Amino acid sequence: MQRYEETKATAALLARNAYESENSPMMWGCGFGWGWLMMSLGTVLWIAVLVVLVWALIRWLNNRPGTPVPPPSGGAQSGPTALEILQQRYARGEIDTATFEHMREQLVATGRHDDYH
């Protein structure tokens, strides 16, 4: 009879432990509480940080000054002068005589007839 009582007590203890473990929250009693919200906010925060970093990198790359091109030396010309371009336009018939003379006078007066284009 004593054996039966011990078995019955053990079964009751096991049943109580099983009941308590089924009804207790996960994570050793910490529960979910605000944890899921904090993890979600942390994820959103990291995504926002990454987006801002990518945006800043793109903006920095676009605003970076290009490699400065040195001015042409007094040696060989790299292209036609303004006066040569004007003469070519006149020869092709793109401008009339009055326009050609007016623009040529302006180039000579401003000293820009040797500019490169």
Protein backbone atom coordinates (compact mmCIF):
# COMPACT_ATOMS: atom_id res chain seq x y z
CA MET A 1 0.00 0.00 0.00
CA GLN A 2 2.84 2.32 0.73
CA ARG A 3 4.24 1.66 -2.72
CA TYR A 4 0.89 2.67 -4.19
CA GLU A 5 0.91 5.92 -2.18
CA GLU A 6 4.44 6.74 -3.33
CA THR A 7 3.53 6.08 -6.94
CA LYS A 8 0.40 8.18 -6.58
CA ALA A 9 2.38 11.04 -4.98
CA THR A 10 5.03 10.85 -7.69
CA ALA A 11 2.37 10.89 -10.40
CA ALA A 12 0.71 13.89 -8.79
CA LEU A 13 4.05 15.72 -8.57
CA LEU A 14 4.84 14.97 -12.21
CA ALA A 15 1.37 16.08 -13.27
CA ARG A 16 1.75 19.32 -11.31
CA ASN A 17 5.17 19.98 -12.86
CA ALA A 18 3.83 19.25 -16.34
CA TYR A 19 0.89 21.58 -15.74
CA GLU A 20 3.15 24.36 -14.50
CA SER A 21 5.60 23.98 -17.39
CA GLU A 22 2.79 24.11 -19.94
CA ASN A 23 1.29 27.23 -18.41
CA SER A 24 4.55 29.05 -17.76
CA PRO A 25 5.79 31.44 -20.41
CA MET A 26 8.72 30.53 -22.60
CA MET A 27 12.26 31.78 -22.10
CA TRP A 28 12.59 30.73 -18.46
CA GLY A 29 9.84 32.90 -17.16
CA CYS A 30 10.90 36.10 -18.94
CA GLY A 31 7.96 35.94 -21.26
CA PHE A 32 7.57 37.88 -24.45
CA GLY A 33 6.48 41.15 -22.91
CA TRP A 34 8.28 44.02 -24.65
CA GLY A 35 11.02 41.83 -26.11
CA TRP A 36 9.41 41.39 -29.50
CA LEU A 37 8.84 45.14 -29.76
CA MET A 38 12.43 45.93 -28.84
CA MET A 39 13.78 43.42 -31.36
CA SER A 40 11.54 44.91 -34.06
CA LEU A 41 12.67 48.43 -33.26
CA GLY A 42 16.29 47.30 -33.27
CA THR A 43 15.84 45.78 -36.73
CA VAL A 44 14.16 48.92 -38.04
CA LEU A 45 16.93 51.02 -36.53
CA TRP A 46 19.67 49.02 -38.29
CA ILE A 47 17.82 49.19 -41.61
CA ALA A 48 17.47 52.97 -41.19
CA VAL A 49 21.18 53.29 -40.39
CA LEU A 50 22.10 51.32 -43.51
CA VAL A 51 19.78 53.42 -45.69
CA VAL A 52 21.29 56.65 -44.34
CA LEU A 53 24.83 55.35 -44.93
CA VAL A 54 24.04 54.39 -48.54
CA TRP A 55 22.37 57.77 -49.11
CA ALA A 56 25.37 59.61 -47.65
CA LEU A 57 27.81 57.59 -49.76
CA ILE A 58 25.89 58.31 -52.97
CA ARG A 59 25.62 61.99 -52.11
CA TRP A 60 29.33 62.19 -51.30
CA LEU A 61 30.29 60.47 -54.56
CA ASN A 62 28.05 62.80 -56.61
CA ASN A 63 29.30 65.99 -54.95
CA ARG A 64 32.96 65.10 -55.13
CA PRO A 65 34.84 67.51 -57.37
CA GLY A 66 36.21 65.87 -60.48
CA THR A 67 39.85 65.69 -61.34
CA PRO A 68 40.87 69.18 -62.39
CA VAL A 69 41.92 69.44 -66.01
CA PRO A 70 45.06 71.48 -66.46
CA PRO A 71 44.71 74.44 -68.80
CA PRO A 72 46.13 73.89 -72.25
CA SER A 73 49.73 74.88 -72.66
CA GLY A 74 50.93 77.45 -75.17
CA GLY A 75 52.00 74.62 -77.50
CA ALA A 76 49.71 72.68 -79.82
CA GLN A 77 46.06 73.61 -79.99
CA SER A 78 43.57 70.95 -79.03
CA GLY A 79 40.71 72.36 -81.11
CA PRO A 80 39.66 75.17 -83.39
CA THR A 81 39.60 78.72 -82.11
CA ALA A 82 36.40 80.69 -81.77
CA LEU A 83 37.25 82.64 -84.93
CA GLU A 84 37.83 79.42 -86.87
CA ILE A 85 34.46 78.06 -85.73
CA LEU A 86 32.82 81.33 -86.79
CA GLN A 87 34.49 81.11 -90.21
CA GLN A 88 33.34 77.50 -90.61
CA ARG A 89 29.75 78.44 -89.79
CA TYR A 90 29.88 81.28 -92.32
CA ALA A 91 31.36 78.96 -94.97
CA ARG A 92 28.57 76.40 -94.39
CA GLY A 93 25.96 79.11 -94.74
CA GLU A 94 24.67 78.86 -91.17
CA ILE A 95 25.03 82.64 -90.65
CA ASP A 96 24.80 85.56 -93.03
CA THR A 97 27.49 88.16 -93.78
CA ALA A 98 26.16 90.77 -91.34
CA THR A 99 26.05 88.27 -88.47
CA PHE A 100 29.53 86.99 -89.34
CA GLU A 101 31.01 90.51 -89.36
CA HIS A 102 29.25 91.46 -86.12
CA MET A 103 30.41 88.31 -84.28
CA ARG A 104 33.96 88.62 -85.68
CA GLU A 105 34.20 92.20 -84.46
CA GLN A 106 33.03 91.14 -81.00
CA LEU A 107 35.61 88.35 -80.86
CA VAL A 108 38.42 90.65 -81.92
CA ALA A 109 37.30 93.39 -79.50
CA THR A 110 37.18 91.04 -76.52
CA GLY A 111 40.35 89.21 -77.49
CA ARG A 112 38.54 85.87 -77.52
CA HIS A 113 39.38 84.89 -81.08
CA ASP A 114 42.15 82.56 -79.82
CA ASP A 115 39.96 80.73 -77.25
CA TYR A 116 39.65 76.98 -77.50
CA HIS A 117 36.29 75.20 -77.82
